[in-house]
Amino acid sequence: MGQDAEGVRRAQRCACMKRTTRETDITLTLNLDGSGKSDIHTGIGFFDHMLEGFAKHGFFDLTVQVNGDLHVDGHHTVEDTGIVLGQAIAQAAGDKAGIRRYGFFMLPMDDALALSAVDLCGRPWLEFDCSFPTPVIGTLDSQLFREFFYAVSYSAAMNLHLKMLSGQNSHHMAEAMFKAFAKALDMATGYDERIDGVLSTKGSL
């Protein structure tokens, strides 16, 4: 059970997703009210590492199993995982009653400084401002990070801004970005006892 700022017990917000195409077969579970546990198997080691960091630092419980066409490249695996994760975030957040809606975080990792801001507004948008010094990190094409976050933002119907304020090491930069996103999303999905219903003058998100 989750718990809000007043100590009221709430049902945990979970989603179980399955998506199969001719390019990928993905099973994913997400608990927004978890403790940071993860079990990630995408077939791309560095991508697993990023998703594990996302779960740990956002206090999300996350399992991901992907069978993708890695004989082609990593594009479909990374993008489709983003689609399914975004869908899971939207489903787990539900009607968004009582949550802060907005979240932001600036996260340092050695030379890297990443900024992430989230609005769970029901409108998809991505602003991504980061150029990696190296084209490949581990076996992962660094161009695919934008594709991943684009897929997450549009599937979750969230505004997502990611900006690398400084950085020289591609590994540090990517890791700082995933962790900053996790912290911002944790803030946005957190409860605030002052919020009655959804935080919108429209009455819905």
C-alpha atoms as a PDB file:
ATOM      1  CA  MET A   1       0.000   0.000   0.000  1.00  0.00           C
ATOM      2  CA  GLY A   2       1.127   3.542  -0.748  1.00  0.00           C
ATOM      3  CA  GLN A   3       0.904   6.356   1.786  1.00  0.00           C
ATOM      4  CA  ASP A   4       0.299  10.074   1.217  1.00  0.00           C
ATOM      5  CA  ALA A   5       1.516  13.051   3.274  1.00  0.00           C
ATOM      6  CA  GLU A   6      -1.351  12.703   5.764  1.00  0.00           C
ATOM      7  CA  GLY A   7      -0.554   9.054   6.384  1.00  0.00           C
ATOM      8  CA  VAL A   8      -3.687   7.842   4.588  1.00  0.00           C
ATOM      9  CA  ARG A   9      -3.174   4.390   3.118  1.00  0.00           C
ATOM     10  CA  ARG A  10      -3.762   4.165  -0.610  1.00  0.00           C
ATOM     11  CA  ALA A  11      -3.814   1.270  -3.041  1.00  0.00           C
ATOM     12  CA  GLN A  12      -0.484   0.867  -4.794  1.00  0.00           C
ATOM     13  CA  ARG A  13      -0.470   2.206  -8.327  1.00  0.00           C
ATOM     14  CA  CYS A  14       0.645  -0.615 -10.603  1.00  0.00           C
ATOM     15  CA  ALA A  15       0.513  -1.527 -14.272  1.00  0.00           C
ATOM     16  CA  CYS A  16       1.233  -4.740 -16.165  1.00  0.00           C
ATOM     17  CA  MET A  17       1.824  -4.293 -19.877  1.00  0.00           C
ATOM     18  CA  LYS A  18       2.367  -6.619 -22.816  1.00  0.00           C
ATOM     19  CA  ARG A  19       3.195  -5.504 -26.369  1.00  0.00           C
ATOM     20  CA  THR A  20       4.130  -7.776 -29.244  1.00  0.00           C
ATOM     21  CA  THR A  21       5.052  -6.796 -32.790  1.00  0.00           C
ATOM     22  CA  ARG A  22       7.163  -8.397 -35.501  1.00  0.00           C
ATOM     23  CA  GLU A  23      10.112  -6.411 -34.116  1.00  0.00           C
ATOM     24  CA  THR A  24       9.790  -6.747 -30.338  1.00  0.00           C
ATOM     25  CA  ASP A  25       8.025  -8.752 -27.651  1.00  0.00           C
ATOM     26  CA  ILE A  26       7.862  -6.781 -24.401  1.00  0.00           C
ATOM     27  CA  THR A  27       6.468  -7.569 -20.963  1.00  0.00           C
ATOM     28  CA  LEU A  28       6.713  -4.813 -18.356  1.00  0.00           C
ATOM     29  CA  THR A  29       5.396  -4.243 -14.847  1.00  0.00           C
ATOM     30  CA  LEU A  30       5.594  -0.957 -12.946  1.00  0.00           C
ATOM     31  CA  ASN A  31       4.734  -0.013  -9.378  1.00  0.00           C
ATOM     32  CA  LEU A  32       4.900   3.739  -8.783  1.00  0.00           C
ATOM     33  CA  ASP A  33       4.750   3.120  -5.024  1.00  0.00           C
ATOM     34  CA  GLY A  34       7.599   0.650  -4.862  1.00  0.00           C
ATOM     35  CA  SER A  35      11.011   0.619  -3.226  1.00  0.00           C
ATOM     36  CA  GLY A  36      13.345   0.666  -6.229  1.00  0.00           C
ATOM     37  CA  LYS A  37      13.501  -3.046  -7.003  1.00  0.00           C
ATOM     38  CA  SER A  38      14.109  -4.027 -10.623  1.00  0.00           C
ATOM     39  CA  ASP A  39      14.560  -7.032 -12.871  1.00  0.00           C
ATOM     40  CA  ILE A  40      15.565  -5.795 -16.325  1.00  0.00           C
ATOM     41  CA  HIS A  41      16.457  -7.860 -19.398  1.00  0.00           C
ATOM     42  CA  THR A  42      16.417  -5.963 -22.701  1.00  0.00           C
ATOM     43  CA  GLY A  43      19.386  -7.623 -24.368  1.00  0.00           C
ATOM     44  CA  ILE A  44      21.336  -4.351 -24.251  1.00  0.00           C
ATOM     45  CA  GLY A  45      23.548  -4.167 -21.171  1.00  0.00           C
ATOM     46  CA  PHE A  46      23.881  -0.398 -20.938  1.00  0.00           C
ATOM     47  CA  PHE A  47      20.135   0.091 -21.446  1.00  0.00           C
ATOM     48  CA  ASP A  48      19.487  -2.380 -18.600  1.00  0.00           C
ATOM     49  CA  HIS A  49      21.835  -0.310 -16.432  1.00  0.00           C
ATOM     50  CA  MET A  50      19.917   2.894 -17.213  1.00  0.00           C
ATOM     51  CA  LEU A  51      16.525   1.358 -16.438  1.00  0.00           C
ATOM     52  CA  GLU A  52      17.848  -0.121 -13.196  1.00  0.00           C
ATOM     53  CA  GLY A  53      19.011   3.356 -12.178  1.00  0.00           C
ATOM     54  CA  PHE A  54      15.626   4.803 -13.144  1.00  0.00           C
ATOM     55  CA  ALA A  55      13.852   2.307 -10.878  1.00  0.00           C
ATOM     56  CA  LYS A  56      16.249   2.663  -7.955  1.00  0.00           C
ATOM     57  CA  HIS A  57      16.309   6.447  -7.817  1.00  0.00           C
ATOM     58  CA  GLY A  58      12.596   6.904  -8.500  1.00  0.00           C
ATOM     59  CA  PHE A  59      11.635   4.267  -5.901  1.00  0.00           C
ATOM     60  CA  PHE A  60       9.717   2.436  -8.623  1.00  0.00           C
ATOM     61  CA  ASP A  61       9.480  -1.350  -8.781  1.00  0.00           C
ATOM     62  CA  LEU A  62      10.116  -2.258 -12.404  1.00  0.00           C
ATOM     63  CA  THR A  63      10.419  -5.484 -14.366  1.00  0.00           C
ATOM     64  CA  VAL A  64      11.189  -5.475 -18.078  1.00  0.00           C
ATOM     65  CA  GLN A  65      11.626  -8.447 -20.392  1.00  0.00           C
ATOM     66  CA  VAL A  66      12.344  -7.673 -24.047  1.00  0.00           C
ATOM     67  CA  ASN A  67      12.979  -9.981 -26.963  1.00  0.00           C
ATOM     68  CA  GLY A  68      13.905  -7.639 -29.798  1.00  0.00           C
ATOM     69  CA  ASP A  69      15.450  -7.751 -33.247  1.00  0.00           C
ATOM     70  CA  LEU A  70      18.941  -6.896 -32.030  1.00  0.00           C
ATOM     71  CA  HIS A  71      20.366  -8.568 -35.126  1.00  0.00           C
ATOM     72  CA  VAL A  72      19.153  -5.406 -36.900  1.00  0.00           C
ATOM     73  CA  ASP A  73      20.188  -2.878 -34.246  1.00  0.00           C
ATOM     74  CA  GLY A  74      18.933  -1.568 -30.904  1.00  0.00           C
ATOM     75  CA  HIS A  75      16.447   0.953 -32.260  1.00  0.00           C
ATOM     76  CA  HIS A  76      13.227  -1.064 -32.026  1.00  0.00           C
ATOM     77  CA  THR A  77      14.132  -2.497 -28.613  1.00  0.00           C
ATOM     78  CA  VAL A  78      14.827   0.919 -27.089  1.00  0.00           C
ATOM     79  CA  GLU A  79      11.965   2.815 -28.726  1.00  0.00           C
ATOM     80  CA  ASP A  80       9.352   0.121 -28.075  1.00  0.00           C
ATOM     81  CA  THR A  81      10.443  -0.186 -24.439  1.00  0.00           C
ATOM     82  CA  GLY A  82       9.853   3.558 -24.169  1.00  0.00           C
ATOM     83  CA  ILE A  83       6.370   3.148 -25.617  1.00  0.00           C
ATOM     84  CA  VAL A  84       5.462   0.429 -23.121  1.00  0.00           C
ATOM     85  CA  LEU A  85       6.998   2.251 -20.152  1.00  0.00           C
ATOM     86  CA  GLY A  86       5.033   5.380 -21.051  1.00  0.00           C
ATOM     87  CA  GLN A  87       1.823   3.371 -21.283  1.00  0.00           C
ATOM     88  CA  ALA A  88       2.555   1.822 -17.887  1.00  0.00           C
ATOM     89  CA  ILE A  89       3.162   5.231 -16.293  1.00  0.00           C
ATOM     90  CA  ALA A  90      -0.158   6.507 -17.663  1.00  0.00           C
ATOM     91  CA  GLN A  91      -2.067   3.430 -16.495  1.00  0.00           C
ATOM     92  CA  ALA A  92      -0.478   3.349 -13.045  1.00  0.00           C
ATOM     93  CA  ALA A  93      -1.051   7.083 -12.467  1.00  0.00           C
ATOM     94  CA  GLY A  94      -4.769   6.565 -13.150  1.00  0.00           C
ATOM     95  CA  ASP A  95      -6.927   9.683 -12.852  1.00  0.00           C
ATOM     96  CA  LYS A  96      -4.011  11.541 -11.160  1.00  0.00           C
ATOM     97  CA  ALA A  97      -6.196  12.685  -8.276  1.00  0.00           C
ATOM     98  CA  GLY A  98      -4.172  14.093  -5.396  1.00  0.00           C
ATOM     99  CA  ILE A  99      -0.778  14.030  -7.115  1.00  0.00           C
ATOM    100  CA  ARG A 100       1.542  17.000  -7.581  1.00  0.00           C
ATOM    101  CA  ARG A 101       1.453  16.701 -11.390  1.00  0.00           C
ATOM    102  CA  TYR A 102       4.707  18.650 -11.752  1.00  0.00           C
ATOM    103  CA  GLY A 103       8.175  17.393 -10.922  1.00  0.00           C
ATOM    104  CA  PHE A 104      11.687  18.634 -11.507  1.00  0.00           C
ATOM    105  CA  PHE A 105      15.209  17.674 -10.533  1.00  0.00           C
ATOM    106  CA  MET A 106      18.765  18.741 -11.242  1.00  0.00           C
ATOM    107  CA  LEU A 107      21.161  15.836 -10.798  1.00  0.00           C
ATOM    108  CA  PRO A 108      24.975  15.860 -10.784  1.00  0.00           C
ATOM    109  CA  MET A 109      27.142  12.902 -11.683  1.00  0.00           C
ATOM    110  CA  ASP A 110      30.814  13.846 -11.712  1.00  0.00           C
ATOM    111  CA  ASP A 111      31.277  16.022 -14.814  1.00  0.00           C
ATOM    112  CA  ALA A 112      27.627  15.697 -15.866  1.00  0.00           C
ATOM    113  CA  LEU A 113      24.754  17.878 -14.693  1.00  0.00           C
ATOM    114  CA  ALA A 114      21.288  16.942 -15.963  1.00  0.00           C
ATOM    115  CA  LEU A 115      17.998  18.791 -15.587  1.00  0.00           C
ATOM    116  CA  SER A 116      14.618  17.082 -15.917  1.00  0.00           C
ATOM    117  CA  ALA A 117      11.144  18.594 -15.624  1.00  0.00           C
ATOM    118  CA  VAL A 118       7.850  16.706 -15.919  1.00  0.00           C
ATOM    119  CA  ASP A 119       4.207  17.736 -16.247  1.00  0.00           C
ATOM    120  CA  LEU A 120       1.668  14.905 -16.184  1.00  0.00           C
ATOM    121  CA  CYS A 121      -0.794  17.108 -18.029  1.00  0.00           C
ATOM    122  CA  GLY A 122      -2.236  14.674 -20.566  1.00  0.00           C
ATOM    123  CA  ARG A 123      -0.473  16.457 -23.433  1.00  0.00           C
ATOM    124  CA  PRO A 124       2.627  14.853 -24.978  1.00  0.00           C
ATOM    125  CA  TRP A 125       5.717  16.956 -25.567  1.00  0.00           C
ATOM    126  CA  LEU A 126       9.462  16.365 -25.453  1.00  0.00           C
ATOM    127  CA  GLU A 127      12.251  18.906 -25.307  1.00  0.00           C
ATOM    128  CA  PHE A 128      15.592  17.124 -25.422  1.00  0.00           C
ATOM    129  CA  ASP A 129      18.790  19.143 -25.278  1.00  0.00           C
ATOM    130  CA  CYS A 130      21.790  16.843 -25.103  1.00  0.00           C
ATOM    131  CA  SER A 131      24.641  15.990 -27.461  1.00  0.00           C
ATOM    132  CA  PHE A 132      26.725  13.010 -26.441  1.00  0.00           C
ATOM    133  CA  PRO A 133      30.486  13.122 -27.124  1.00  0.00           C
ATOM    134  CA  THR A 134      30.542   9.504 -28.312  1.00  0.00           C
ATOM    135  CA  PRO A 135      28.171   7.807 -30.785  1.00  0.00           C
ATOM    136  CA  VAL A 136      28.052   4.532 -28.842  1.00  0.00           C
ATOM    137  CA  ILE A 137      27.958   3.780 -25.100  1.00  0.00           C
ATOM    138  CA  GLY A 138      28.669   0.128 -24.465  1.00  0.00           C
ATOM    139  CA  THR A 139      26.757  -1.332 -27.401  1.00  0.00           C
ATOM    140  CA  LEU A 140      24.008   1.305 -27.357  1.00  0.00           C
ATOM    141  CA  ASP A 141      23.719   4.005 -30.018  1.00  0.00           C
ATOM    142  CA  SER A 142      23.555   7.286 -28.083  1.00  0.00           C
ATOM    143  CA  GLN A 143      21.039   8.677 -30.612  1.00  0.00           C
ATOM    144  CA  LEU A 144      18.503   6.236 -29.180  1.00  0.00           C
ATOM    145  CA  PHE A 145      18.183   8.057 -25.869  1.00  0.00           C
ATOM    146  CA  ARG A 146      16.125  10.776 -27.531  1.00  0.00           C
ATOM    147  CA  GLU A 147      13.979   8.119 -29.223  1.00  0.00           C
ATOM    148  CA  PHE A 148      13.389   6.438 -25.860  1.00  0.00           C
ATOM    149  CA  PHE A 149      12.338   9.599 -24.042  1.00  0.00           C
ATOM    150  CA  TYR A 150      10.209  10.718 -26.990  1.00  0.00           C
ATOM    151  CA  ALA A 151       8.342   7.406 -26.834  1.00  0.00           C
ATOM    152  CA  VAL A 152       7.896   7.655 -23.054  1.00  0.00           C
ATOM    153  CA  SER A 153       6.606  11.222 -23.191  1.00  0.00           C
ATOM    154  CA  TYR A 154       4.102  10.568 -25.948  1.00  0.00           C
ATOM    155  CA  SER A 155       2.819   7.244 -24.602  1.00  0.00           C
ATOM    156  CA  ALA A 156       2.439   8.699 -21.102  1.00  0.00           C
ATOM    157  CA  ALA A 157       0.957  11.948 -22.470  1.00  0.00           C
ATOM    158  CA  MET A 158       3.401  14.013 -20.413  1.00  0.00           C
ATOM    159  CA  ASN A 159       5.451  17.114 -20.997  1.00  0.00           C
ATOM    160  CA  LEU A 160       9.074  16.080 -20.534  1.00  0.00           C
ATOM    161  CA  HIS A 161      12.038  18.432 -20.674  1.00  0.00           C
ATOM    162  CA  LEU A 162      15.573  17.062 -20.473  1.00  0.00           C
ATOM    163  CA  LYS A 163      18.613  19.309 -20.637  1.00  0.00           C
ATOM    164  CA  MET A 164      22.279  18.474 -20.158  1.00  0.00           C
ATOM    165  CA  LEU A 165      23.792  21.499 -18.469  1.00  0.00           C
ATOM    166  CA  SER A 166      27.336  20.153 -18.549  1.00  0.00           C
ATOM    167  CA  GLY A 167      29.145  16.924 -19.299  1.00  0.00           C
ATOM    168  CA  GLN A 168      32.151  15.336 -20.943  1.00  0.00           C
ATOM    169  CA  ASN A 169      31.688  11.610 -20.306  1.00  0.00           C
ATOM    170  CA  SER A 170      28.827  10.001 -22.236  1.00  0.00           C
ATOM    171  CA  HIS A 171      28.226   7.315 -19.600  1.00  0.00           C
ATOM    172  CA  HIS A 172      27.905   9.908 -16.851  1.00  0.00           C
ATOM    173  CA  MET A 173      25.661  12.101 -18.989  1.00  0.00           C
ATOM    174  CA  ALA A 174      23.223   9.322 -19.857  1.00  0.00           C
ATOM    175  CA  GLU A 175      23.087   8.041 -16.294  1.00  0.00           C
ATOM    176  CA  ALA A 176      22.502  11.524 -14.886  1.00  0.00           C
ATOM    177  CA  MET A 177      19.655  12.015 -17.364  1.00  0.00           C
ATOM    178  CA  PHE A 178      17.859   8.780 -16.438  1.00  0.00           C
ATOM    179  CA  LYS A 179      18.237   9.442 -12.721  1.00  0.00           C
ATOM    180  CA  ALA A 180      17.069  13.057 -13.043  1.00  0.00           C
ATOM    181  CA  PHE A 181      13.995  11.848 -14.939  1.00  0.00           C
ATOM    182  CA  ALA A 182      13.306   9.277 -12.225  1.00  0.00           C
ATOM    183  CA  LYS A 183      13.491  11.878  -9.460  1.00  0.00           C
ATOM    184  CA  ALA A 184      11.282  14.318 -11.387  1.00  0.00           C
ATOM    185  CA  LEU A 185       8.689  11.618 -12.100  1.00  0.00           C
ATOM    186  CA  ASP A 186       8.724  10.502  -8.463  1.00  0.00           C
ATOM    187  CA  MET A 187       7.963  14.081  -7.444  1.00  0.00           C
ATOM    188  CA  ALA A 188       5.219  14.495 -10.066  1.00  0.00           C
ATOM    189  CA  THR A 189       3.456  11.267  -9.079  1.00  0.00           C
ATOM    190  CA  GLY A 190       3.751  11.967  -5.344  1.00  0.00           C
ATOM    191  CA  TYR A 191       0.716  12.947  -3.307  1.00  0.00           C
ATOM    192  CA  ASP A 192       0.114  16.346  -1.727  1.00  0.00           C
ATOM    193  CA  GLU A 193      -2.567  16.564   0.983  1.00  0.00           C
ATOM    194  CA  ARG A 194      -3.522  20.077  -0.165  1.00  0.00           C
ATOM    195  CA  ILE A 195      -4.689  18.841  -3.572  1.00  0.00           C
ATOM    196  CA  ASP A 196      -8.403  18.040  -3.817  1.00  0.00           C
ATOM    197  CA  GLY A 197      -9.028  16.017  -6.963  1.00  0.00           C
ATOM    198  CA  VAL A 198      -6.663  16.844  -9.812  1.00  0.00           C
ATOM    199  CA  LEU A 199      -4.378  19.864  -9.926  1.00  0.00           C
ATOM    200  CA  SER A 200      -6.052  21.616 -12.850  1.00  0.00           C
ATOM    201  CA  THR A 201      -8.600  24.392 -13.325  1.00  0.00           C
ATOM    202  CA  LYS A 202     -10.151  22.156 -16.021  1.00  0.00           C
ATOM    203  CA  GLY A 203     -11.033  19.495 -13.468  1.00  0.00           C
ATOM    204  CA  SER A 204      -9.250  16.693 -15.308  1.00  0.00           C
ATOM    205  CA  LEU A 205      -5.822  15.787 -16.649  1.00  0.00           C
END
